[in-house]
Amino acid sequence: MNEARVGEGAPPPVITVVQRGQITEAAHRGDVAVVGVGGHLAASVGEPDRLVSLRSSVKPFTAVAVLAAATDAGLALDDEMIALASASHAGADEHLAVARRMIEAFNLDPALLVHGRPSSGRGGSADLLAHMCSGQHLSLLILAKARGFDPNGYSEFDHPVQRELRNVVGELLGVDVHAAPWGMDGCAIPTSAVPLRVAAEGARRWAAPHDPLVPERYRGLLERVRIAAIKNPRLISGAGLLDTDLIRGGQGDVVAKQGAEGLCLVGLPGHGIAVRTEDGDAAARSGRVATVTVLAAIGASVAATPALDSHRVVKLADPRGGAALASVLPGASLTSLTVR
């Protein structure tokens, strides 16, 4: 792949700012890609061909690979299991309950899981299964079982589980993932980099699984992943988190999945959106504001839903309990965005 890498070329434009009274205190730069029907680039900010690491945004597509293998082997995952396989969850009791059902239903060995225990302040407990990636990792053990692979080492780049994931994800996104730059994700499995517009097109296809650009053999499986997310938005992330609120507010039309280091993907009828905050958005504020602003700019009804009130403008609290002391607001590059 010859697409621009992070740090190359002109700096991305400012997509959000932190406003503290009369002070513009900080700015977040980033890139945006919006694709329309047929995968054409409908709108962009910055460099839509910038390479971005998929991180956890890939999970709905790895869930398709798991379902394909399970179906071939006569194994059945229910909607909650599919949703958790697609999730970066908050480690709440509802998430742990589904993870435990996956272990019991498929006789999985949790000692094989490589993601470790939760170490962030996102919520949940220190239980191994409370790790935000436990659903995906359990699903990869299911894939290994379905294909008859040795599950040991399922996280290694050359393990047959990972090769199968790259095959399926590449077909779904329309790129050769085997040729993509890669590294190890924070949960200790490989992650690949693709152009931002490719990630946006993946989101569009997830929202429209029967689109002609989706390989026919995967359409029904991708539809199952879409339905599982829409029926179980709290399992995809958790209460008050962007993915859950976008799906819940979309009333059956919107799917969403974030990836670490500032990537936000949203699919809805007619469009796929990818927003990447260059600095990684460690405070989880820029991507939320930017994503909702882009949705409003393209005329998506979900942008006005009350479910997104806490994401449209992120307010930085007064420790004394008064009015917010600062706000994260969209930058001019987003408020002037137009769809071609």
Protein backbone atom coordinates (compact mmCIF):
# COMPACT_ATOMS: atom_id res chain seq x y z
CA MET A 1 0.00 0.00 0.00
CA ASN A 2 1.35 3.44 -0.95
CA GLU A 3 -1.14 5.59 0.96
CA ALA A 4 0.04 8.39 3.25
CA ARG A 5 1.10 7.39 6.71
CA VAL A 6 0.50 9.34 9.90
CA GLY A 7 2.99 12.21 10.13
CA GLU A 8 3.51 12.44 6.36
CA GLY A 9 2.41 15.34 4.18
CA ALA A 10 0.49 18.38 5.38
CA PRO A 11 -0.78 18.29 8.96
CA PRO A 12 -4.45 17.34 9.25
CA PRO A 13 -6.84 20.25 9.83
CA VAL A 14 -8.26 21.11 13.24
CA ILE A 15 -11.47 19.14 13.71
CA THR A 16 -12.30 20.07 17.32
CA VAL A 17 -11.24 22.69 19.83
CA VAL A 18 -11.37 23.04 23.60
CA GLN A 19 -12.92 26.39 24.47
CA ARG A 20 -12.43 27.67 28.03
CA GLY A 21 -14.15 31.02 28.32
CA GLN A 22 -12.40 33.38 25.93
CA ILE A 23 -9.47 30.99 25.54
CA THR A 24 -9.17 28.46 22.75
CA GLU A 25 -7.15 26.19 24.94
CA ALA A 26 -6.41 23.19 22.77
CA ALA A 27 -7.03 21.84 19.31
CA HIS A 28 -7.38 18.31 17.96
CA ARG A 29 -6.41 17.62 14.35
CA GLY A 30 -7.75 14.81 12.27
CA ASP A 31 -9.03 13.36 9.03
CA VAL A 32 -12.55 12.49 7.91
CA ALA A 33 -13.81 10.31 5.07
CA VAL A 34 -17.45 9.97 4.06
CA VAL A 35 -18.31 7.44 1.35
CA GLY A 36 -21.60 7.07 -0.49
CA VAL A 37 -23.35 4.31 -2.41
CA GLY A 38 -20.88 2.47 -4.62
CA GLY A 39 -18.02 3.42 -2.33
CA HIS A 40 -17.34 6.81 -3.91
CA LEU A 41 -15.84 9.52 -1.73
CA ALA A 42 -18.74 11.84 -0.93
CA ALA A 43 -16.97 14.24 1.46
CA SER A 44 -13.66 14.53 3.26
CA VAL A 45 -11.60 16.65 5.60
CA GLY A 46 -7.84 16.34 5.54
CA GLU A 47 -6.46 13.23 3.86
CA PRO A 48 -9.04 10.45 3.25
CA ASP A 49 -6.32 8.08 2.08
CA ARG A 50 -4.30 8.40 5.30
CA LEU A 51 -3.40 4.96 6.63
CA VAL A 52 -5.11 4.24 9.95
CA SER A 53 -4.85 1.29 12.29
CA LEU A 54 -8.19 -0.51 12.41
CA ARG A 55 -7.77 -1.62 16.02
CA SER A 56 -11.13 -2.65 17.53
CA SER A 57 -13.17 -1.17 14.67
CA VAL A 58 -12.38 -4.40 12.82
CA LYS A 59 -14.40 -6.54 15.23
CA PRO A 60 -17.72 -6.62 13.32
CA PHE A 61 -15.80 -7.99 10.35
CA THR A 62 -13.85 -10.59 12.33
CA ALA A 63 -17.24 -11.66 13.70
CA VAL A 64 -18.24 -12.51 10.12
CA ALA A 65 -15.20 -14.79 9.84
CA VAL A 66 -16.22 -16.51 13.06
CA LEU A 67 -19.80 -16.97 11.88
CA ALA A 68 -18.63 -18.38 8.55
CA ALA A 69 -16.50 -21.02 10.31
CA ALA A 70 -19.18 -21.78 12.89
CA THR A 71 -21.86 -22.20 10.23
CA ASP A 72 -19.66 -24.62 8.29
CA ALA A 73 -19.17 -26.67 11.48
CA GLY A 74 -22.82 -26.61 12.53
CA LEU A 75 -22.15 -24.38 15.55
CA ALA A 76 -24.70 -21.73 16.46
CA LEU A 77 -24.03 -18.34 18.05
CA ASP A 78 -27.00 -16.32 19.28
CA ASP A 79 -27.39 -12.57 18.77
CA GLU A 80 -25.90 -11.66 22.15
CA MET A 81 -22.81 -13.74 21.46
CA ILE A 82 -22.40 -12.14 18.02
CA ALA A 83 -22.75 -8.68 19.55
CA LEU A 84 -20.12 -9.41 22.20
CA ALA A 85 -17.80 -10.79 19.52
CA SER A 86 -18.11 -7.38 17.83
CA ALA A 87 -17.71 -5.38 21.03
CA SER A 88 -15.29 -3.27 23.01
CA HIS A 89 -17.41 -3.61 26.10
CA ALA A 90 -17.41 -1.91 29.49
CA GLY A 91 -17.04 -5.09 31.54
CA ALA A 92 -20.45 -4.78 33.17
CA ASP A 93 -22.37 -7.76 34.52
CA GLU A 94 -24.40 -8.00 31.31
CA HIS A 95 -21.20 -8.37 29.30
CA LEU A 96 -19.68 -10.96 31.63
CA ALA A 97 -22.86 -13.02 31.54
CA VAL A 98 -22.67 -13.39 27.76
CA ALA A 99 -18.95 -14.18 27.86
CA ARG A 100 -19.60 -16.97 30.37
CA ARG A 101 -22.38 -18.37 28.18
CA MET A 102 -19.93 -18.49 25.25
CA ILE A 103 -17.46 -20.47 27.35
CA GLU A 104 -20.12 -22.93 28.49
CA ALA A 105 -21.84 -23.32 25.12
CA PHE A 106 -18.64 -24.10 23.22
CA ASN A 107 -16.55 -25.65 26.01
CA LEU A 108 -13.85 -23.00 25.69
CA ASP A 109 -10.77 -22.78 27.88
CA PRO A 110 -10.43 -19.21 29.25
CA ALA A 111 -6.83 -19.98 30.23
CA LEU A 112 -5.99 -19.63 26.53
CA LEU A 113 -7.09 -15.98 26.39
CA VAL A 114 -4.15 -13.64 25.79
CA HIS A 115 -5.77 -10.22 26.35
CA GLY A 116 -4.97 -10.04 30.06
CA ARG A 117 -7.08 -8.42 32.75
CA PRO A 118 -8.63 -4.94 32.55
CA SER A 119 -6.22 -2.19 33.49
CA SER A 120 -8.10 0.98 32.54
CA GLY A 121 -10.66 3.01 34.42
CA ARG A 122 -13.37 2.29 31.87
CA GLY A 123 -15.47 0.37 34.35
CA GLY A 124 -16.26 -3.20 35.26
CA SER A 125 -14.20 -5.49 37.47
CA ALA A 126 -10.75 -7.05 37.32
CA ASP A 127 -12.31 -10.30 36.12
CA LEU A 128 -10.48 -11.69 33.07
CA LEU A 129 -13.74 -11.66 31.11
CA ALA A 130 -14.30 -7.99 31.98
CA HIS A 131 -11.56 -7.05 29.51
CA MET A 132 -13.21 -5.06 26.72
CA CYS A 133 -11.96 -7.50 24.07
CA SER A 134 -12.99 -10.75 25.77
CA GLY A 135 -15.93 -11.33 23.43
CA GLN A 136 -13.78 -11.10 20.31
CA HIS A 137 -11.06 -13.33 21.79
CA LEU A 138 -13.61 -15.95 22.85
CA SER A 139 -15.04 -15.85 19.34
CA LEU A 140 -11.57 -16.56 17.93
CA LEU A 141 -11.40 -19.67 20.11
CA ILE A 142 -14.75 -20.65 18.58
CA LEU A 143 -13.29 -20.15 15.10
CA ALA A 144 -10.35 -22.39 16.01
CA LYS A 145 -12.71 -25.06 17.32
CA ALA A 146 -14.92 -24.87 14.23
CA ARG A 147 -11.96 -25.25 11.86
CA GLY A 148 -10.12 -27.83 13.94
CA PHE A 149 -7.15 -25.49 14.51
CA ASP A 150 -4.96 -25.77 17.60
CA PRO A 151 -6.17 -22.79 19.68
CA ASN A 152 -2.77 -22.30 21.30
CA GLY A 153 -1.09 -19.26 19.82
CA TYR A 154 -4.28 -18.01 18.16
CA SER A 155 -2.93 -14.47 18.58
CA GLU A 156 0.20 -14.99 16.48
CA PHE A 157 0.34 -13.30 13.07
CA ASP A 158 0.92 -16.58 11.18
CA HIS A 159 -1.58 -18.69 13.14
CA PRO A 160 -4.33 -20.09 10.86
CA VAL A 161 -6.96 -18.17 12.87
CA GLN A 162 -5.25 -14.87 12.01
CA ARG A 163 -4.75 -15.85 8.38
CA GLU A 164 -8.45 -16.63 8.08
CA LEU A 165 -9.36 -13.32 9.68
CA ARG A 166 -7.21 -11.43 7.17
CA ASN A 167 -8.81 -13.34 4.29
CA VAL A 168 -12.34 -12.52 5.34
CA VAL A 169 -11.73 -8.95 6.51
CA GLY A 170 -9.90 -8.22 3.26
CA GLU A 171 -12.79 -9.51 1.18
CA LEU A 172 -15.31 -7.51 3.20
CA LEU A 173 -13.30 -4.27 2.95
CA GLY A 174 -12.13 -4.82 -0.62
CA VAL A 175 -8.39 -4.62 0.14
CA ASP A 176 -5.49 -7.05 0.51
CA VAL A 177 -5.05 -7.05 4.28
CA HIS A 178 -2.19 -9.54 3.96
CA ALA A 179 -0.17 -6.77 2.29
CA ALA A 180 -1.12 -4.10 4.83
CA PRO A 181 1.23 -2.75 7.49
CA TRP A 182 0.52 -4.42 10.82
CA GLY A 183 1.40 -4.41 14.49
CA MET A 184 0.09 -5.89 17.73
CA ASP A 185 -3.07 -4.43 19.22
CA GLY A 186 -3.36 -3.55 22.89
CA CYS A 187 -5.12 -6.87 23.46
CA ALA A 188 -2.17 -8.77 21.93
CA ILE A 189 -3.58 -9.79 18.56
CA PRO A 190 -2.49 -8.37 15.18
CA THR A 191 -4.03 -5.16 13.85
CA SER A 192 -3.69 -3.87 10.30
CA ALA A 193 -3.64 -0.41 8.73
CA VAL A 194 -5.85 0.59 5.80
CA PRO A 195 -6.74 3.94 4.17
CA LEU A 196 -9.35 5.89 6.12
CA ARG A 197 -11.79 5.81 3.22
CA VAL A 198 -11.55 1.99 3.15
CA ALA A 199 -12.57 1.92 6.81
CA ALA A 200 -15.50 4.23 5.98
CA GLU A 201 -16.55 1.93 3.16
CA GLY A 202 -16.44 -1.02 5.57
CA ALA A 203 -18.87 0.84 7.84
CA ARG A 204 -21.15 1.56 4.88
CA ARG A 205 -21.18 -2.12 3.89
CA TRP A 206 -21.90 -3.19 7.47
CA ALA A 207 -24.99 -0.98 7.41
CA ALA A 208 -25.98 -2.38 3.99
CA PRO A 209 -24.96 -6.06 4.06
CA HIS A 210 -26.74 -6.92 0.81
CA ASP A 211 -24.96 -4.22 -1.17
CA PRO A 212 -23.56 -5.56 -4.47
CA LEU A 213 -20.01 -4.76 -3.31
CA VAL A 214 -20.31 -7.17 -0.38
CA PRO A 215 -19.21 -10.68 -1.44
CA GLU A 216 -22.40 -12.71 -1.79
CA ARG A 217 -21.24 -15.52 0.48
CA TYR A 218 -20.87 -13.06 3.38
CA ARG A 219 -24.04 -11.01 2.97
CA GLY A 220 -26.25 -13.07 5.26
CA LEU A 221 -23.52 -13.30 7.88
CA LEU A 222 -22.84 -9.56 7.82
CA GLU A 223 -26.58 -9.01 8.16
CA ARG A 224 -26.54 -11.16 11.29
CA VAL A 225 -23.75 -8.99 12.74
CA ARG A 226 -25.73 -5.85 11.89
CA ILE A 227 -28.91 -7.16 13.51
CA ALA A 228 -27.03 -8.38 16.59
CA ALA A 229 -25.58 -4.90 17.18
CA ILE A 230 -28.92 -3.16 16.64
CA LYS A 231 -30.73 -5.53 18.99
CA ASN A 232 -28.01 -5.30 21.66
CA PRO A 233 -26.44 -1.82 21.56
CA ARG A 234 -25.38 -1.94 25.22
CA LEU A 235 -23.32 -5.06 24.53
CA ILE A 236 -21.30 -3.28 21.81
CA SER A 237 -19.79 -0.85 24.34
CA GLY A 238 -21.95 0.15 27.30
CA ALA A 239 -24.27 2.72 28.82
CA GLY A 240 -23.32 6.29 27.93
CA LEU A 241 -20.63 5.31 25.39
CA LEU A 242 -20.67 6.58 21.81
CA ASP A 243 -21.16 3.31 19.92
CA THR A 244 -24.09 2.27 22.08
CA ASP A 245 -25.74 5.69 21.89
CA LEU A 246 -25.33 5.94 18.11
CA ILE A 247 -26.85 2.52 17.55
CA ARG A 248 -29.64 3.15 20.06
CA GLY A 249 -30.41 6.57 18.59
CA GLY A 250 -30.34 5.24 15.05
CA GLN A 251 -33.55 3.25 15.55
CA GLY A 252 -32.44 0.26 13.53
CA ASP A 253 -30.59 2.11 10.75
CA VAL A 254 -27.20 2.92 12.31
CA VAL A 255 -24.21 0.78 13.25
CA ALA A 256 -21.06 2.11 14.89
CA LYS A 257 -17.73 0.84 16.15
CA GLN A 258 -14.78 2.73 17.53
CA GLY A 259 -11.15 1.67 17.49
CA ALA A 260 -8.42 2.75 19.86
CA GLU A 261 -6.23 5.77 19.07
CA GLY A 262 -9.05 7.97 17.91
CA LEU A 263 -10.90 6.05 15.17
CA CYS A 264 -14.70 6.25 14.91
CA LEU A 265 -16.71 4.35 12.26
CA VAL A 266 -20.42 4.81 11.58
CA GLY A 267 -22.56 3.12 8.94
CA LEU A 268 -26.05 4.26 8.00
CA PRO A 269 -28.27 4.07 4.92
CA GLY A 270 -26.35 5.47 1.98
CA HIS A 271 -23.18 6.45 3.83
CA GLY A 272 -20.16 5.22 5.72
CA ILE A 273 -18.16 7.58 7.93
CA ALA A 274 -14.66 7.31 9.34
CA VAL A 275 -13.23 9.95 11.69
CA ARG A 276 -9.67 9.75 12.99
CA THR A 277 -8.26 12.12 15.59
CA GLU A 278 -4.52 12.31 14.94
CA ASP A 279 -3.41 12.59 18.58
CA GLY A 280 -5.26 9.40 19.52
CA ASP A 281 -8.02 11.17 21.47
CA ALA A 282 -6.94 9.68 24.79
CA ALA A 283 -9.59 11.69 26.64
CA ALA A 284 -12.32 10.23 24.37
CA ARG A 285 -13.83 13.60 23.56
CA SER A 286 -12.70 14.83 20.12
CA GLY A 287 -13.96 11.81 18.17
CA ARG A 288 -17.36 12.00 19.81
CA VAL A 289 -17.89 15.65 18.90
CA ALA A 290 -16.42 15.26 15.41
CA THR A 291 -18.47 12.19 14.56
CA VAL A 292 -21.79 13.76 15.55
CA THR A 293 -20.87 16.95 13.66
CA VAL A 294 -20.14 14.97 10.50
CA LEU A 295 -23.44 13.13 10.83
CA ALA A 296 -25.24 16.47 11.10
CA ALA A 297 -23.36 17.83 8.08
CA ILE A 298 -24.52 14.98 5.85
CA GLY A 299 -28.11 15.36 7.07
CA ALA A 300 -28.32 12.16 9.11
CA SER A 301 -31.36 12.22 11.38
CA VAL A 302 -29.48 10.36 14.12
CA ALA A 303 -27.37 13.49 14.73
CA ALA A 304 -30.36 15.19 16.38
CA THR A 305 -31.42 12.31 18.62
CA PRO A 306 -31.40 12.99 22.39
CA ALA A 307 -29.26 9.85 22.74
CA LEU A 308 -26.32 11.92 21.44
CA ASP A 309 -26.80 14.96 23.68
CA SER A 310 -23.72 14.14 25.75
CA HIS A 311 -21.57 13.67 22.62
CA ARG A 312 -22.65 16.62 20.46
CA VAL A 313 -20.68 19.01 22.68
CA VAL A 314 -18.51 17.51 25.42
CA LYS A 315 -18.61 19.66 28.55
CA LEU A 316 -15.72 19.72 31.02
CA ALA A 317 -17.20 19.84 34.49
CA ASP A 318 -16.81 22.40 37.26
CA PRO A 319 -15.63 20.45 40.35
CA ARG A 320 -17.79 22.77 42.46
CA GLY A 321 -20.91 21.56 40.65
CA GLY A 322 -21.53 24.74 38.66
CA ALA A 323 -21.81 25.28 34.91
CA ALA A 324 -19.23 23.57 32.72
CA LEU A 325 -15.86 25.33 32.74
CA ALA A 326 -14.94 24.39 29.17
CA SER A 327 -16.42 22.67 26.14
CA VAL A 328 -15.11 20.57 23.28
CA LEU A 329 -16.58 22.04 20.09
CA PRO A 330 -16.37 21.22 16.37
CA GLY A 331 -13.77 23.12 14.34
CA ALA A 332 -14.54 25.15 11.25
CA SER A 333 -13.28 22.35 8.97
CA LEU A 334 -16.24 20.23 10.08
CA THR A 335 -18.96 22.84 10.34
CA SER A 336 -18.30 23.76 6.69
CA LEU A 337 -18.27 20.14 5.46
CA THR A 338 -20.40 19.55 2.37
CA VAL A 339 -21.37 16.31 0.64
CA ARG A 340 -20.57 15.98 -3.02
